[in-house]
C-alpha atoms as a PDB file:
ATOM      1  CA  UNK A   1      63.218 -28.451  79.747  1.00  0.00           C
ATOM      2  CA  UNK A   2      62.295 -28.751  76.086  1.00  0.00           C
ATOM      3  CA  UNK A   3      60.411 -25.435  76.185  1.00  0.00           C
ATOM      4  CA  UNK A   4      63.421 -23.765  77.733  1.00  0.00           C
ATOM      5  CA  UNK A   5      65.687 -24.972  74.903  1.00  0.00           C
ATOM      6  CA  UNK A   6      63.182 -23.902  72.255  1.00  0.00           C
ATOM      7  CA  UNK A   7      62.869 -20.471  73.837  1.00  0.00           C
ATOM      8  CA  UNK A   8      66.641 -20.209  74.019  1.00  0.00           C
ATOM      9  CA  UNK A   9      67.053 -21.065  70.301  1.00  0.00           C
ATOM     10  CA  UNK A  10      64.232 -18.736  69.344  1.00  0.00           C
ATOM     11  CA  UNK A  11      65.908 -15.964  71.259  1.00  0.00           C
ATOM     12  CA  UNK A  12      69.273 -16.574  69.516  1.00  0.00           C
ATOM     13  CA  UNK A  13      67.623 -16.914  66.115  1.00  0.00           C
ATOM     14  CA  UNK A  14      65.590 -13.768  66.574  1.00  0.00           C
ATOM     15  CA  UNK A  15      68.552 -11.812  67.917  1.00  0.00           C
ATOM     16  CA  UNK A  16      70.813 -12.967  65.079  1.00  0.00           C
ATOM     17  CA  UNK A  17      68.166 -12.163  62.482  1.00  0.00           C
ATOM     18  CA  UNK A  18      67.622  -8.683  63.873  1.00  0.00           C
ATOM     19  CA  UNK A  19      71.363  -8.063  63.954  1.00  0.00           C
ATOM     20  CA  UNK A  20      71.807  -9.203  60.336  1.00  0.00           C
ATOM     21  CA  UNK A  21      68.880  -7.115  59.125  1.00  0.00           C
ATOM     22  CA  UNK A  22      70.278  -4.106  60.960  1.00  0.00           C
ATOM     23  CA  UNK A  23      73.774  -4.612  59.490  1.00  0.00           C
ATOM     24  CA  UNK A  24      72.516  -5.158  55.931  1.00  0.00           C
ATOM     25  CA  UNK A  25      69.979  -2.329  55.689  1.00  0.00           C
ATOM     26  CA  UNK A  26      70.293   0.218  58.497  1.00  0.00           C
ATOM     27  CA  UNK A  27      73.942   0.406  59.524  1.00  0.00           C
ATOM     28  CA  UNK A  28      76.254   3.186  58.340  1.00  0.00           C
ATOM     29  CA  UNK A  29      78.216   0.607  56.335  1.00  0.00           C
ATOM     30  CA  UNK A  30      75.212  -1.195  54.877  1.00  0.00           C
ATOM     31  CA  UNK A  31      75.412  -3.370  51.781  1.00  0.00           C
ATOM     32  CA  UNK A  32      74.316  -0.593  49.413  1.00  0.00           C
ATOM     33  CA  UNK A  33      77.012   1.754  50.676  1.00  0.00           C
ATOM     34  CA  UNK A  34      79.612  -0.979  50.293  1.00  0.00           C
ATOM     35  CA  UNK A  35      78.592  -1.613  46.677  1.00  0.00           C
ATOM     36  CA  UNK A  36      78.702   2.094  45.890  1.00  0.00           C
ATOM     37  CA  UNK A  37      82.137   2.425  47.481  1.00  0.00           C
ATOM     38  CA  UNK A  38      83.435  -0.614  45.585  1.00  0.00           C
ATOM     39  CA  UNK A  39      82.324   0.899  42.274  1.00  0.00           C
ATOM     40  CA  UNK A  40      83.944   4.213  43.182  1.00  0.00           C
ATOM     41  CA  UNK A  41      87.167   2.399  44.083  1.00  0.00           C
ATOM     42  CA  UNK A  42      87.166   0.584  40.730  1.00  0.00           C
ATOM     43  CA  UNK A  43      86.624   3.847  38.878  1.00  0.00           C
ATOM     44  CA  UNK A  44      89.435   5.542  40.769  1.00  0.00           C
ATOM     45  CA  UNK A  45      91.822   2.639  40.137  1.00  0.00           C
ATOM     46  CA  UNK A  46      91.068   2.843  36.407  1.00  0.00           C
ATOM     47  CA  UNK A  47      91.669   6.578  36.530  1.00  0.00           C
ATOM     48  CA  UNK A  48      94.958   5.998  38.348  1.00  0.00           C
ATOM     49  CA  UNK A  49      96.118   3.595  35.608  1.00  0.00           C
ATOM     50  CA  UNK A  50      95.130   6.104  32.918  1.00  0.00           C
ATOM     51  CA  UNK A  51      97.056   8.948  34.535  1.00  0.00           C
ATOM     52  CA  UNK A  52     100.088   6.745  35.212  1.00  0.00           C
ATOM     53  CA  UNK A  53     100.170   5.914  31.483  1.00  0.00           C
ATOM     54  CA  UNK A  54      99.843   9.591  30.577  1.00  0.00           C
ATOM     55  CA  UNK A  55     102.710  10.464  32.931  1.00  0.00           C
ATOM     56  CA  UNK A  56     104.912   7.877  31.197  1.00  0.00           C
ATOM     57  CA  UNK A  57     104.031   9.334  27.788  1.00  0.00           C
ATOM     58  CA  UNK A  58     104.775  12.899  28.897  1.00  0.00           C
ATOM     59  CA  UNK A  59     108.043  11.817  30.501  1.00  0.00           C
ATOM     60  CA  UNK A  60     109.051  10.090  27.267  1.00  0.00           C
ATOM     61  CA  UNK A  61     108.230  13.237  25.252  1.00  0.00           C
ATOM     62  CA  UNK A  62     110.143  15.400  27.707  1.00  0.00           C
ATOM     63  CA  UNK A  63     113.244  13.237  27.427  1.00  0.00           C
ATOM     64  CA  UNK A  64     113.031  13.319  23.615  1.00  0.00           C
ATOM     65  CA  UNK A  65     112.531  17.087  23.408  1.00  0.00           C
ATOM     66  CA  UNK A  66     114.881  18.432  26.071  1.00  0.00           C
ATOM     67  CA  UNK A  67     118.373  19.199  24.873  1.00  0.00           C
ATOM     68  CA  UNK A  68     117.472  19.904  21.246  1.00  0.00           C
ATOM     69  CA  UNK A  69     116.350  23.455  20.557  1.00  0.00           C
ATOM     70  CA  UNK A  70     114.753  22.606  17.205  1.00  0.00           C
ATOM     71  CA  UNK A  71     112.701  19.822  18.780  1.00  0.00           C
ATOM     72  CA  UNK A  72     111.576  22.165  21.582  1.00  0.00           C
ATOM     73  CA  UNK A  73     110.351  24.663  18.986  1.00  0.00           C
ATOM     74  CA  UNK A  74     108.659  21.913  16.936  1.00  0.00           C
ATOM     75  CA  UNK A  75     107.001  20.511  20.060  1.00  0.00           C
ATOM     76  CA  UNK A  76     105.701  23.940  21.123  1.00  0.00           C
ATOM     77  CA  UNK A  77     104.365  24.664  17.657  1.00  0.00           C
ATOM     78  CA  UNK A  78     102.620  21.289  17.239  1.00  0.00           C
ATOM     79  CA  UNK A  79     101.249  20.659  20.707  1.00  0.00           C
ATOM     80  CA  UNK A  80     100.465  24.162  21.907  1.00  0.00           C
ATOM     81  CA  UNK A  81      99.983  25.906  18.551  1.00  0.00           C
ATOM     82  CA  UNK A  82     102.555  28.564  19.418  1.00  0.00           C
ATOM     83  CA  UNK A  83     103.621  30.802  16.551  1.00  0.00           C
ATOM     84  CA  UNK A  84     105.887  33.635  15.628  1.00  0.00           C
ATOM     85  CA  UNK A  85     104.447  37.116  15.111  1.00  0.00           C
ATOM     86  CA  UNK A  86     102.717  37.578  11.733  1.00  0.00           C
ATOM     87  CA  UNK A  87     102.680  33.833  11.121  1.00  0.00           C
ATOM     88  CA  UNK A  88      99.645  31.678  10.384  1.00  0.00           C
ATOM     89  CA  UNK A  89      99.221  28.070  11.493  1.00  0.00           C
ATOM     90  CA  UNK A  90      97.048  25.460   9.810  1.00  0.00           C
ATOM     91  CA  UNK A  91      96.306  22.213  11.602  1.00  0.00           C
ATOM     92  CA  UNK A  92      95.306  19.284   9.397  1.00  0.00           C
ATOM     93  CA  UNK A  93      93.004  16.751  11.018  1.00  0.00           C
ATOM     94  CA  UNK A  94      91.739  13.302  10.020  1.00  0.00           C
ATOM     95  CA  UNK A  95      88.198  11.897  10.183  1.00  0.00           C
ATOM     96  CA  UNK A  96      88.419  11.473  13.973  1.00  0.00           C
ATOM     97  CA  UNK A  97      89.396  15.121  14.447  1.00  0.00           C
ATOM     98  CA  UNK A  98      92.950  14.118  15.405  1.00  0.00           C
ATOM     99  CA  UNK A  99      95.939  16.097  14.068  1.00  0.00           C
ATOM    100  CA  UNK A 100      97.796  14.420  11.228  1.00  0.00           C
ATOM    101  CA  UNK A 101     101.446  13.796  12.117  1.00  0.00           C
ATOM    102  CA  UNK A 102     104.154  13.974   9.485  1.00  0.00           C
END
């Protein structure tokens, strides 16, 4: 009877061990894949926050600029370096290579 119980527990222990090893190392969704996917998810969430902030900034600029023709012209000249024919544009930058705003 005792041998039967020991064999039974050995069987369950061995089976459980094999299953865990298979799930951790050999399965399609193994631990390494899960870690890689978690890192990718974190990166994408950070990217999503960045682009949401940029959308808010652009929306704010759009609201400020629309409706005022002089501001539209100023915006186009500063941001996109648009110019009139036979006109030269000089962009002043600081130490960090960022345009200096007046």
